[in-house]
Amino acid sequence: MKSTAFSRSKRSIGKIKDILMKALDDLVSVNSIFTVAVFLGLSFASPTGLHSLEVNRHECDPDVKMVKRLIMYEVVSFSSFLLSSLVAKSLKIYLSIFYPDTDTSDSDNKAKASSDNKLFHPGRGFMFGISILASVVGVLFLTISMKYVVEIKIGKLSCGIHETWASVIALCVLVAIALFIYLPFMSIALIYCMIEP
């Protein structure tokens, strides 16, 4: 009876570890892709030659303040992605160290590790939650900075340029849809992280 309960506990630990490892790997991969986008946005932050594609309308040209804001949002976005990735990597190390492998034969050590890990649920969930939150904050600031990139290249939104408005609306709608799909699934992984042994 005791060995059956332990076998169930062992499978549960292995399952949660696999789910969290995959979720953390995906989180780090997504952050890496977004970090490339951050550096792409920074390449448009040159203070010289501030002219939009609206050649004959100088009021549509970006000003220095807009470029400063672009750099600020890009830096905040990069910092958020870095925080998210580093916390995710730390959590992966934690899982590797404190969670026993399911193929080890020492049942007493496994049972002790399983009971000890119950104490770390809040910390484990907190770290995973911080990683998800930092990634979402990074996405939001990256979206704002991409809006400034569009304005710098095409022209200010205040000029009523059709292409600028279409680009910004498409950007906001698609990012909102992406977050609407992404967040529930990451939340499921977070719930697993909090309640499973």
N, C-alpha and C. Protein backbone atom coordinates (compact mmCIF):
# COMPACT_ATOMS: atom_id res chain seq x y z
N MET A 1 0.84 -1.21 0.00
CA MET A 1 0.00 0.00 0.00
C MET A 1 0.87 1.26 0.00
N LYS A 2 1.90 1.21 0.89
CA LYS A 2 2.80 2.36 0.99
C LYS A 2 3.59 2.54 -0.29
N SER A 3 4.02 1.40 -0.90
CA SER A 3 4.80 1.49 -2.15
C SER A 3 3.95 1.99 -3.30
N THR A 4 2.63 1.67 -3.30
CA THR A 4 1.72 2.18 -4.35
C THR A 4 1.57 3.69 -4.22
N ALA A 5 1.40 4.18 -2.99
CA ALA A 5 1.28 5.64 -2.76
C ALA A 5 2.57 6.34 -3.15
N PHE A 6 3.70 5.72 -2.81
CA PHE A 6 4.99 6.33 -3.17
C PHE A 6 5.19 6.35 -4.68
N SER A 7 4.74 5.26 -5.34
CA SER A 7 4.85 5.19 -6.81
C SER A 7 4.03 6.29 -7.47
N ARG A 8 2.81 6.53 -6.90
CA ARG A 8 1.97 7.61 -7.41
C ARG A 8 2.62 8.96 -7.20
N SER A 9 3.20 9.16 -6.01
CA SER A 9 3.89 10.41 -5.68
C SER A 9 5.08 10.63 -6.60
N LYS A 10 5.80 9.55 -6.91
CA LYS A 10 6.97 9.63 -7.79
C LYS A 10 6.57 10.05 -9.20
N ARG A 11 5.44 9.44 -9.69
CA ARG A 11 4.95 9.81 -11.02
C ARG A 11 4.52 11.27 -11.05
N SER A 12 3.88 11.72 -9.97
CA SER A 12 3.41 13.11 -9.88
C SER A 12 4.59 14.08 -9.90
N ILE A 13 5.65 13.75 -9.15
CA ILE A 13 6.84 14.60 -9.13
C ILE A 13 7.49 14.65 -10.52
N GLY A 14 7.59 13.49 -11.16
CA GLY A 14 8.16 13.44 -12.51
C GLY A 14 7.34 14.24 -13.50
N LYS A 15 6.00 14.15 -13.37
CA LYS A 15 5.10 14.85 -14.29
C LYS A 15 5.23 16.37 -14.14
N ILE A 16 5.18 16.85 -12.89
CA ILE A 16 5.27 18.29 -12.66
C ILE A 16 6.62 18.84 -13.10
N LYS A 17 7.66 18.05 -12.85
CA LYS A 17 9.00 18.49 -13.26
C LYS A 17 9.08 18.62 -14.78
N ASP A 18 8.53 17.64 -15.52
CA ASP A 18 8.54 17.69 -16.98
C ASP A 18 7.74 18.88 -17.51
N ILE A 19 6.55 19.10 -16.93
CA ILE A 19 5.70 20.21 -17.36
C ILE A 19 6.42 21.54 -17.14
N LEU A 20 6.99 21.71 -15.95
CA LEU A 20 7.66 22.97 -15.63
C LEU A 20 8.91 23.18 -16.48
N MET A 21 9.68 22.13 -16.70
CA MET A 21 10.89 22.25 -17.52
C MET A 21 10.54 22.69 -18.94
N LYS A 22 9.49 22.08 -19.52
CA LYS A 22 9.07 22.46 -20.88
C LYS A 22 8.56 23.89 -20.92
N ALA A 23 7.76 24.26 -19.92
CA ALA A 23 7.22 25.63 -19.86
C ALA A 23 8.36 26.65 -19.72
N LEU A 24 9.34 26.34 -18.89
CA LEU A 24 10.47 27.26 -18.69
C LEU A 24 11.33 27.36 -19.94
N ASP A 25 11.53 26.23 -20.63
CA ASP A 25 12.28 26.25 -21.89
C ASP A 25 11.58 27.14 -22.92
N ASP A 26 10.25 26.99 -23.02
CA ASP A 26 9.47 27.81 -23.96
C ASP A 26 9.53 29.28 -23.59
N LEU A 27 9.47 29.56 -22.30
CA LEU A 27 9.53 30.95 -21.83
C LEU A 27 10.85 31.60 -22.20
N VAL A 28 11.95 30.89 -22.00
CA VAL A 28 13.28 31.41 -22.34
C VAL A 28 13.40 31.60 -23.85
N SER A 29 12.86 30.65 -24.63
CA SER A 29 12.91 30.76 -26.10
C SER A 29 12.15 31.99 -26.60
N VAL A 30 10.95 32.20 -26.04
CA VAL A 30 10.14 33.36 -26.43
C VAL A 30 10.87 34.66 -26.06
N ASN A 31 11.46 34.69 -24.87
CA ASN A 31 12.20 35.88 -24.45
C ASN A 31 13.38 36.16 -25.38
N SER A 32 14.04 35.12 -25.85
CA SER A 32 15.18 35.29 -26.76
C SER A 32 14.74 35.91 -28.08
N ILE A 33 13.60 35.46 -28.60
CA ILE A 33 13.07 36.02 -29.85
C ILE A 33 12.73 37.50 -29.67
N PHE A 34 12.09 37.82 -28.55
CA PHE A 34 11.73 39.22 -28.29
C PHE A 34 12.95 40.10 -28.08
N THR A 35 14.00 39.54 -27.51
CA THR A 35 15.23 40.32 -27.30
C THR A 35 15.83 40.74 -28.64
N VAL A 36 15.72 39.89 -29.64
CA VAL A 36 16.18 40.24 -31.00
C VAL A 36 15.38 41.43 -31.51
N ALA A 37 14.06 41.40 -31.27
CA ALA A 37 13.19 42.51 -31.69
C ALA A 37 13.57 43.81 -30.99
N VAL A 38 14.00 43.71 -29.73
CA VAL A 38 14.43 44.90 -28.99
C VAL A 38 15.62 45.55 -29.67
N PHE A 39 16.61 44.74 -30.03
CA PHE A 39 17.81 45.28 -30.68
C PHE A 39 17.49 45.82 -32.07
N LEU A 40 16.50 45.22 -32.71
CA LEU A 40 16.04 45.73 -34.01
C LEU A 40 15.46 47.13 -33.85
N GLY A 41 14.65 47.30 -32.79
CA GLY A 41 14.07 48.61 -32.52
C GLY A 41 15.11 49.64 -32.17
N LEU A 42 16.14 49.24 -31.44
CA LEU A 42 17.21 50.18 -31.08
C LEU A 42 18.00 50.65 -32.29
N SER A 43 18.02 49.85 -33.34
CA SER A 43 18.74 50.26 -34.55
C SER A 43 18.07 51.44 -35.25
N PHE A 44 16.78 51.67 -34.94
CA PHE A 44 16.06 52.81 -35.52
C PHE A 44 16.14 54.04 -34.62
N ALA A 45 16.87 53.95 -33.52
CA ALA A 45 16.89 55.04 -32.55
C ALA A 45 18.06 55.99 -32.78
N SER A 46 18.39 56.24 -34.02
CA SER A 46 19.48 57.16 -34.31
C SER A 46 18.97 58.60 -34.27
N PRO A 47 19.65 59.47 -33.52
CA PRO A 47 19.18 60.86 -33.41
C PRO A 47 19.40 61.69 -34.68
N THR A 48 20.23 61.18 -35.59
CA THR A 48 20.50 61.94 -36.82
C THR A 48 19.53 61.52 -37.92
N GLY A 49 19.23 62.44 -38.78
CA GLY A 49 18.38 62.17 -39.93
C GLY A 49 16.98 61.75 -39.55
N LEU A 50 16.34 62.52 -38.66
CA LEU A 50 15.00 62.20 -38.20
C LEU A 50 13.96 62.64 -39.23
N HIS A 51 13.78 61.82 -40.26
CA HIS A 51 12.80 62.13 -41.30
C HIS A 51 11.94 60.90 -41.55
N SER A 52 10.63 61.11 -41.57
CA SER A 52 9.72 60.01 -41.87
C SER A 52 9.59 59.86 -43.38
N LEU A 53 8.80 58.89 -43.80
CA LEU A 53 8.58 58.67 -45.24
C LEU A 53 7.63 59.70 -45.84
N GLU A 54 6.98 60.51 -45.00
CA GLU A 54 6.15 61.61 -45.49
C GLU A 54 7.08 62.78 -45.85
N VAL A 55 7.54 62.80 -47.07
CA VAL A 55 8.61 63.71 -47.49
C VAL A 55 8.21 65.17 -47.39
N ASN A 56 7.03 65.53 -47.85
CA ASN A 56 6.65 66.94 -47.94
C ASN A 56 5.94 67.48 -46.70
N ARG A 57 5.85 66.66 -45.63
CA ARG A 57 5.15 67.10 -44.42
C ARG A 57 6.13 67.01 -43.24
N HIS A 58 6.81 68.09 -42.97
CA HIS A 58 7.83 68.09 -41.92
C HIS A 58 7.24 67.97 -40.51
N GLU A 59 5.95 68.30 -40.36
CA GLU A 59 5.31 68.17 -39.05
C GLU A 59 5.14 66.69 -38.66
N CYS A 60 5.25 65.81 -39.65
CA CYS A 60 5.13 64.37 -39.40
C CYS A 60 6.46 63.72 -39.02
N ASP A 61 7.54 64.46 -39.14
CA ASP A 61 8.85 63.92 -38.79
C ASP A 61 8.95 63.71 -37.28
N PRO A 62 9.62 62.65 -36.84
CA PRO A 62 9.78 62.41 -35.40
C PRO A 62 10.72 63.43 -34.77
N ASP A 63 10.47 63.73 -33.52
CA ASP A 63 11.37 64.63 -32.80
C ASP A 63 12.31 63.82 -31.90
N VAL A 64 13.25 64.52 -31.28
CA VAL A 64 14.24 63.86 -30.42
C VAL A 64 13.58 63.20 -29.22
N LYS A 65 12.50 63.81 -28.71
CA LYS A 65 11.79 63.27 -27.55
C LYS A 65 11.23 61.88 -27.86
N MET A 66 10.73 61.70 -29.08
CA MET A 66 10.19 60.41 -29.49
C MET A 66 11.28 59.34 -29.52
N VAL A 67 12.45 59.71 -30.01
CA VAL A 67 13.58 58.77 -30.05
C VAL A 67 14.04 58.41 -28.64
N LYS A 68 14.03 59.41 -27.74
CA LYS A 68 14.40 59.14 -26.34
C LYS A 68 13.42 58.16 -25.70
N ARG A 69 12.13 58.35 -25.98
CA ARG A 69 11.13 57.44 -25.44
C ARG A 69 11.30 56.03 -26.00
N LEU A 70 11.61 55.95 -27.29
CA LEU A 70 11.86 54.65 -27.92
C LEU A 70 12.99 53.92 -27.19
N ILE A 71 14.09 54.62 -26.96
CA ILE A 71 15.23 54.00 -26.28
C ILE A 71 14.84 53.57 -24.86
N MET A 72 14.09 54.43 -24.15
CA MET A 72 13.68 54.11 -22.79
C MET A 72 12.83 52.84 -22.75
N TYR A 73 11.81 52.76 -23.64
CA TYR A 73 10.94 51.59 -23.66
C TYR A 73 11.68 50.33 -24.09
N GLU A 74 12.62 50.48 -25.01
CA GLU A 74 13.41 49.32 -25.45
C GLU A 74 14.27 48.79 -24.31
N VAL A 75 14.87 49.70 -23.53
CA VAL A 75 15.71 49.28 -22.40
C VAL A 75 14.88 48.59 -21.32
N VAL A 76 13.70 49.15 -21.01
CA VAL A 76 12.82 48.53 -20.02
C VAL A 76 12.37 47.15 -20.50
N SER A 77 12.05 47.06 -21.79
CA SER A 77 11.64 45.79 -22.38
C SER A 77 12.76 44.76 -22.29
N PHE A 78 13.97 45.15 -22.66
CA PHE A 78 15.12 44.25 -22.60
C PHE A 78 15.37 43.80 -21.16
N SER A 79 15.28 44.72 -20.20
CA SER A 79 15.49 44.39 -18.79
C SER A 79 14.45 43.38 -18.31
N SER A 80 13.21 43.56 -18.75
CA SER A 80 12.14 42.63 -18.35
C SER A 80 12.39 41.23 -18.90
N PHE A 81 12.78 41.15 -20.18
CA PHE A 81 13.06 39.85 -20.77
C PHE A 81 14.26 39.19 -20.10
N LEU A 82 15.25 39.99 -19.75
CA LEU A 82 16.44 39.46 -19.07
C LEU A 82 16.06 38.92 -17.68
N LEU A 83 15.25 39.68 -16.94
CA LEU A 83 14.78 39.23 -15.63
C LEU A 83 14.01 37.92 -15.75
N SER A 84 13.09 37.88 -16.72
CA SER A 84 12.28 36.69 -16.92
C SER A 84 13.14 35.46 -17.24
N SER A 85 14.11 35.64 -18.13
CA SER A 85 14.96 34.51 -18.54
C SER A 85 15.85 34.04 -17.39
N LEU A 86 16.42 34.98 -16.65
CA LEU A 86 17.31 34.60 -15.54
C LEU A 86 16.55 33.90 -14.42
N VAL A 87 15.34 34.37 -14.12
CA VAL A 87 14.53 33.71 -13.09
C VAL A 87 14.12 32.32 -13.57
N ALA A 88 13.75 32.21 -14.86
CA ALA A 88 13.37 30.90 -15.42
C ALA A 88 14.55 29.93 -15.37
N LYS A 89 15.74 30.40 -15.71
CA LYS A 89 16.93 29.55 -15.65
C LYS A 89 17.22 29.13 -14.21
N SER A 90 17.05 30.06 -13.27
CA SER A 90 17.27 29.75 -11.85
C SER A 90 16.28 28.70 -11.37
N LEU A 91 15.02 28.82 -11.81
CA LEU A 91 14.00 27.84 -11.42
C LEU A 91 14.31 26.47 -12.01
N LYS A 92 14.84 26.44 -13.23
CA LYS A 92 15.25 25.16 -13.83
C LYS A 92 16.36 24.51 -13.01
N ILE A 93 17.31 25.31 -12.56
CA ILE A 93 18.39 24.78 -11.72
C ILE A 93 17.83 24.25 -10.41
N TYR A 94 16.90 25.02 -9.82
CA TYR A 94 16.25 24.59 -8.58
C TYR A 94 15.57 23.23 -8.77
N LEU A 95 14.80 23.08 -9.86
CA LEU A 95 14.10 21.83 -10.12
C LEU A 95 15.07 20.67 -10.31
N SER A 96 16.18 20.94 -10.98
CA SER A 96 17.18 19.89 -11.22
C SER A 96 17.85 19.45 -9.92
N ILE A 97 18.09 20.41 -9.02
CA ILE A 97 18.80 20.08 -7.78
C ILE A 97 17.86 19.44 -6.75
N PHE A 98 16.69 20.03 -6.52
CA PHE A 98 15.85 19.62 -5.41
C PHE A 98 14.81 18.56 -5.74
N TYR A 99 14.57 18.30 -7.02
CA TYR A 99 13.61 17.26 -7.37
C TYR A 99 14.36 16.01 -7.77
N PRO A 100 14.06 14.89 -7.12
CA PRO A 100 14.79 13.66 -7.43
C PRO A 100 14.40 13.11 -8.80
N ASP A 101 15.35 12.43 -9.44
CA ASP A 101 15.04 11.74 -10.70
C ASP A 101 14.18 10.53 -10.39
N THR A 102 13.27 10.24 -11.29
CA THR A 102 12.33 9.14 -11.05
C THR A 102 12.99 7.77 -11.21
N ASP A 103 14.18 7.71 -11.82
CA ASP A 103 14.81 6.41 -12.03
C ASP A 103 15.77 6.04 -10.90
N THR A 104 15.89 6.88 -9.85
CA THR A 104 16.76 6.55 -8.73
C THR A 104 16.05 5.52 -7.85
N SER A 105 16.79 4.57 -7.30
CA SER A 105 16.16 3.48 -6.55
C SER A 105 16.05 3.73 -5.06
N ASP A 106 16.66 4.78 -4.55
CA ASP A 106 16.64 5.03 -3.11
C ASP A 106 15.29 5.64 -2.70
N SER A 107 14.37 4.81 -2.27
CA SER A 107 13.00 5.26 -2.00
C SER A 107 12.92 6.16 -0.78
N ASP A 108 13.75 5.93 0.24
CA ASP A 108 13.72 6.78 1.44
C ASP A 108 14.12 8.22 1.11
N ASN A 109 15.17 8.37 0.30
CA ASN A 109 15.61 9.72 -0.09
C ASN A 109 14.55 10.41 -0.93
N LYS A 110 13.88 9.63 -1.79
CA LYS A 110 12.83 10.21 -2.63
C LYS A 110 11.65 10.69 -1.79
N ALA A 111 11.26 9.85 -0.84
CA ALA A 111 10.13 10.22 0.02
C ALA A 111 10.46 11.46 0.83
N LYS A 112 11.69 11.54 1.34
CA LYS A 112 12.12 12.71 2.10
C LYS A 112 12.15 13.95 1.22
N ALA A 113 12.70 13.80 -0.02
CA ALA A 113 12.76 14.94 -0.96
C ALA A 113 11.36 15.41 -1.31
N SER A 114 10.43 14.45 -1.49
CA SER A 114 9.06 14.80 -1.83
C SER A 114 8.40 15.61 -0.72
N SER A 115 8.61 15.16 0.55
CA SER A 115 8.01 15.90 1.66
C SER A 115 8.70 17.24 1.88
N ASP A 116 10.02 17.29 1.67
CA ASP A 116 10.75 18.56 1.82
C ASP A 116 10.30 19.57 0.78
N ASN A 117 10.00 19.13 -0.44
CA ASN A 117 9.65 20.04 -1.53
C ASN A 117 8.30 20.73 -1.30
N LYS A 118 7.46 20.16 -0.42
CA LYS A 118 6.19 20.80 -0.11
C LYS A 118 6.41 22.17 0.54
N LEU A 119 7.53 22.29 1.22
CA LEU A 119 7.86 23.57 1.86
C LEU A 119 8.19 24.65 0.84
N PHE A 120 8.60 24.25 -0.38
CA PHE A 120 9.07 25.21 -1.38
C PHE A 120 7.99 25.61 -2.38
N HIS A 121 6.76 25.12 -2.22
CA HIS A 121 5.71 25.47 -3.18
C HIS A 121 5.53 26.97 -3.38
N PRO A 122 5.39 27.75 -2.29
CA PRO A 122 5.21 29.20 -2.49
C PRO A 122 6.39 29.84 -3.22
N GLY A 123 7.62 29.47 -2.85
CA GLY A 123 8.80 30.04 -3.51
C GLY A 123 8.89 29.65 -4.96
N ARG A 124 8.57 28.39 -5.25
CA ARG A 124 8.60 27.89 -6.62
C ARG A 124 7.56 28.61 -7.48
N GLY A 125 6.35 28.74 -6.92
CA GLY A 125 5.29 29.44 -7.64
C GLY A 125 5.59 30.91 -7.83
N PHE A 126 6.17 31.53 -6.79
CA PHE A 126 6.53 32.95 -6.86
C PHE A 126 7.56 33.19 -7.96
N MET A 127 8.58 32.34 -8.03
CA MET A 127 9.61 32.49 -9.07
C MET A 127 9.03 32.33 -10.47
N PHE A 128 8.16 31.34 -10.62
CA PHE A 128 7.54 31.10 -11.93
C PHE A 128 6.63 32.27 -12.30
N GLY A 129 5.87 32.76 -11.30
CA GLY A 129 4.98 33.92 -11.54
C GLY A 129 5.76 35.16 -11.93
N ILE A 130 6.90 35.41 -11.24
CA ILE A 130 7.75 36.56 -11.58
C ILE A 130 8.25 36.45 -13.01
N SER A 131 8.64 35.24 -13.40
CA SER A 131 9.16 35.03 -14.76
C SER A 131 8.09 35.32 -15.82
N ILE A 132 6.87 34.84 -15.57
CA ILE A 132 5.77 35.09 -16.51
C ILE A 132 5.43 36.58 -16.55
N LEU A 133 5.31 37.20 -15.37
CA LEU A 133 4.96 38.62 -15.30
C LEU A 133 6.00 39.50 -15.99
N ALA A 134 7.28 39.21 -15.76
CA ALA A 134 8.34 39.99 -16.40
C ALA A 134 8.30 39.85 -17.91
N SER A 135 7.99 38.66 -18.38
CA SER A 135 7.88 38.43 -19.83
C SER A 135 6.73 39.23 -20.43
N VAL A 136 5.59 39.25 -19.74
CA VAL A 136 4.42 40.00 -20.23
C VAL A 136 4.71 41.50 -20.21
N VAL A 137 5.33 41.99 -19.14
CA VAL A 137 5.71 43.41 -19.07
C VAL A 137 6.66 43.76 -20.22
N GLY A 138 7.61 42.86 -20.49
CA GLY A 138 8.53 43.07 -21.61
C GLY A 138 7.79 43.17 -22.94
N VAL A 139 6.80 42.30 -23.13
CA VAL A 139 6.00 42.32 -24.37
C VAL A 139 5.25 43.65 -24.50
N LEU A 140 4.66 44.13 -23.40
CA LEU A 140 3.90 45.38 -23.44
C LEU A 140 4.80 46.58 -23.78
N PHE A 141 5.97 46.65 -23.14
CA PHE A 141 6.89 47.74 -23.44
C PHE A 141 7.48 47.62 -24.85
N LEU A 142 7.68 46.39 -25.30
CA LEU A 142 8.17 46.18 -26.67
C LEU A 142 7.11 46.64 -27.68
N THR A 143 5.85 46.39 -27.38
CA THR A 143 4.76 46.84 -28.25
C THR A 143 4.73 48.36 -28.34
N ILE A 144 4.87 49.02 -27.20
CA ILE A 144 4.90 50.50 -27.19
C ILE A 144 6.09 51.01 -28.00
N SER A 145 7.24 50.37 -27.82
CA SER A 145 8.43 50.83 -28.54
C SER A 145 8.30 50.59 -30.04
N MET A 146 7.64 49.48 -30.44
CA MET A 146 7.42 49.22 -31.88
C MET A 146 6.47 50.27 -32.48
N LYS A 147 5.55 50.76 -31.66
CA LYS A 147 4.66 51.83 -32.11
C LYS A 147 5.48 53.09 -32.43
N TYR A 148 6.49 53.37 -31.59
CA TYR A 148 7.37 54.51 -31.86
C TYR A 148 8.24 54.28 -33.09
N VAL A 149 8.66 53.03 -33.31
CA VAL A 149 9.44 52.71 -34.52
C VAL A 149 8.60 53.01 -35.77
N VAL A 150 7.32 52.60 -35.73
CA VAL A 150 6.41 52.86 -36.86
C VAL A 150 6.27 54.36 -37.09
N GLU A 151 6.08 55.13 -36.01
CA GLU A 151 5.94 56.58 -36.15
C GLU A 151 7.22 57.22 -36.69
N ILE A 152 8.37 56.73 -36.24
CA ILE A 152 9.64 57.30 -36.72
C ILE A 152 9.83 57.02 -38.20
N LYS A 153 9.47 55.82 -38.64
CA LYS A 153 9.71 55.44 -40.03
C LYS A 153 8.64 55.98 -41.00
N ILE A 154 7.36 55.90 -40.59
CA ILE A 154 6.27 56.28 -41.52
C ILE A 154 5.80 57.70 -41.28
N GLY A 155 5.64 58.07 -40.04
CA GLY A 155 5.13 59.40 -39.69
C GLY A 155 4.29 59.32 -38.44
N LYS A 156 4.12 60.45 -37.77
CA LYS A 156 3.41 60.49 -36.49
C LYS A 156 1.94 60.11 -36.65
N LEU A 157 1.38 59.51 -35.60
CA LEU A 157 -0.05 59.18 -35.59
C LEU A 157 -0.91 60.43 -35.71
N SER A 158 -0.45 61.53 -35.12
CA SER A 158 -1.21 62.77 -35.14
C SER A 158 -1.40 63.33 -36.55
N CYS A 159 -0.58 62.87 -37.50
CA CYS A 159 -0.71 63.35 -38.89
C CYS A 159 -1.83 62.64 -39.63
N GLY A 160 -2.39 61.59 -39.03
CA GLY A 160 -3.49 60.88 -39.67
C GLY A 160 -3.09 60.05 -40.87
N ILE A 161 -1.85 59.59 -40.92
CA ILE A 161 -1.37 58.77 -42.04
C ILE A 161 -1.99 57.38 -41.93
N HIS A 162 -2.61 56.95 -43.01
CA HIS A 162 -3.34 55.68 -43.02
C HIS A 162 -2.42 54.50 -42.66
N GLU A 163 -1.25 54.46 -43.25
CA GLU A 163 -0.31 53.34 -43.03
C GLU A 163 0.16 53.27 -41.57
N THR A 164 0.36 54.43 -40.95
CA THR A 164 0.77 54.44 -39.55
C THR A 164 -0.33 53.87 -38.66
N TRP A 165 -1.55 54.35 -38.88
CA TRP A 165 -2.67 53.86 -38.09
C TRP A 165 -2.91 52.37 -38.30
N ALA A 166 -2.85 51.92 -39.55
CA ALA A 166 -3.07 50.50 -39.86
C ALA A 166 -2.00 49.62 -39.19
N SER A 167 -0.75 50.08 -39.23
CA SER A 167 0.35 49.31 -38.62
C SER A 167 0.19 49.22 -37.10
N VAL A 168 -0.13 50.35 -36.47
CA VAL A 168 -0.25 50.39 -35.00
C VAL A 168 -1.46 49.57 -34.54
N ILE A 169 -2.58 49.69 -35.26
CA ILE A 169 -3.78 48.91 -34.88
C ILE A 169 -3.52 47.42 -35.04
N ALA A 170 -2.90 47.03 -36.17
CA ALA A 170 -2.57 45.61 -36.38
C ALA A 170 -1.63 45.10 -35.30
N LEU A 171 -0.63 45.90 -34.96
CA LEU A 171 0.32 45.53 -33.92
C LEU A 171 -0.39 45.29 -32.59
N CYS A 172 -1.23 46.23 -32.17
CA CYS A 172 -1.91 46.13 -30.88
C CYS A 172 -2.89 44.96 -30.84
N VAL A 173 -3.64 44.78 -31.91
CA VAL A 173 -4.64 43.69 -31.96
C VAL A 173 -3.95 42.33 -31.93
N LEU A 174 -2.91 42.15 -32.73
CA LEU A 174 -2.23 40.85 -32.80
C LEU A 174 -1.49 40.53 -31.49
N VAL A 175 -0.89 41.54 -30.86
CA VAL A 175 -0.22 41.31 -29.57
C VAL A 175 -1.26 40.94 -28.51
N ALA A 176 -2.41 41.62 -28.52
CA ALA A 176 -3.47 41.31 -27.56
C ALA A 176 -3.97 39.88 -27.74
N ILE A 177 -4.15 39.44 -28.99
CA ILE A 177 -4.59 38.06 -29.26
C ILE A 177 -3.53 37.07 -28.78
N ALA A 178 -2.27 37.39 -29.08
CA ALA A 178 -1.17 36.50 -28.67
C ALA A 178 -1.13 36.34 -27.15
N LEU A 179 -1.27 37.46 -26.41
CA LEU A 179 -1.27 37.40 -24.95
C LEU A 179 -2.49 36.67 -24.41
N PHE A 180 -3.62 36.84 -25.09
CA PHE A 180 -4.86 36.18 -24.69
C PHE A 180 -4.73 34.66 -24.80
N ILE A 181 -3.95 34.19 -25.79
CA ILE A 181 -3.71 32.75 -25.95
C ILE A 181 -2.59 32.29 -25.02
N TYR A 182 -1.54 33.09 -24.90
CA TYR A 182 -0.33 32.71 -24.16
C TYR A 182 -0.56 32.63 -22.64
N LEU A 183 -1.23 33.65 -22.10
CA LEU A 183 -1.37 33.75 -20.64
C LEU A 183 -2.15 32.61 -19.99
N PRO A 184 -3.28 32.16 -20.56
CA PRO A 184 -4.00 31.05 -19.90
C PRO A 184 -3.16 29.78 -19.78
N PHE A 185 -2.41 29.45 -20.83
CA PHE A 185 -1.61 28.22 -20.79
C PHE A 185 -0.44 28.33 -19.81
N MET A 186 0.18 29.51 -19.76
CA MET A 186 1.24 29.71 -18.78
C MET A 186 0.66 29.73 -17.36
N SER A 187 -0.58 30.20 -17.22
CA SER A 187 -1.24 30.20 -15.92
C SER A 187 -1.52 28.77 -15.44
N ILE A 188 -1.85 27.88 -16.39
CA ILE A 188 -2.07 26.48 -16.04
C ILE A 188 -0.78 25.88 -15.49
N ALA A 189 0.33 26.19 -16.16
CA ALA A 189 1.63 25.70 -15.67
C ALA A 189 1.94 26.29 -14.29
N LEU A 190 1.56 27.55 -14.07
CA LEU A 190 1.78 28.18 -12.76
C LEU A 190 0.94 27.51 -11.68
N ILE A 191 -0.30 27.14 -12.02
CA ILE A 191 -1.17 26.46 -11.05
C ILE A 191 -0.58 25.10 -10.70
N TYR A 192 -0.10 24.36 -11.71
CA TYR A 192 0.58 23.10 -11.46
C TYR A 192 1.76 23.31 -10.51
N CYS A 193 2.47 24.37 -10.77
CA CYS A 193 3.66 24.69 -9.97
C CYS A 193 3.31 24.94 -8.51
N MET A 194 2.12 25.51 -8.28
CA MET A 194 1.71 25.87 -6.93
C MET A 194 1.10 24.71 -6.15
N ILE A 195 0.30 23.84 -6.86
CA ILE A 195 -0.48 22.85 -6.11
C ILE A 195 0.08 21.45 -6.15
N GLU A 196 0.87 21.14 -7.18
CA GLU A 196 1.39 19.76 -7.26
C GLU A 196 2.55 19.57 -6.31
N PRO A 197 2.80 18.32 -5.92
CA PRO A 197 3.92 18.07 -5.01
C PRO A 197 5.26 18.28 -5.64
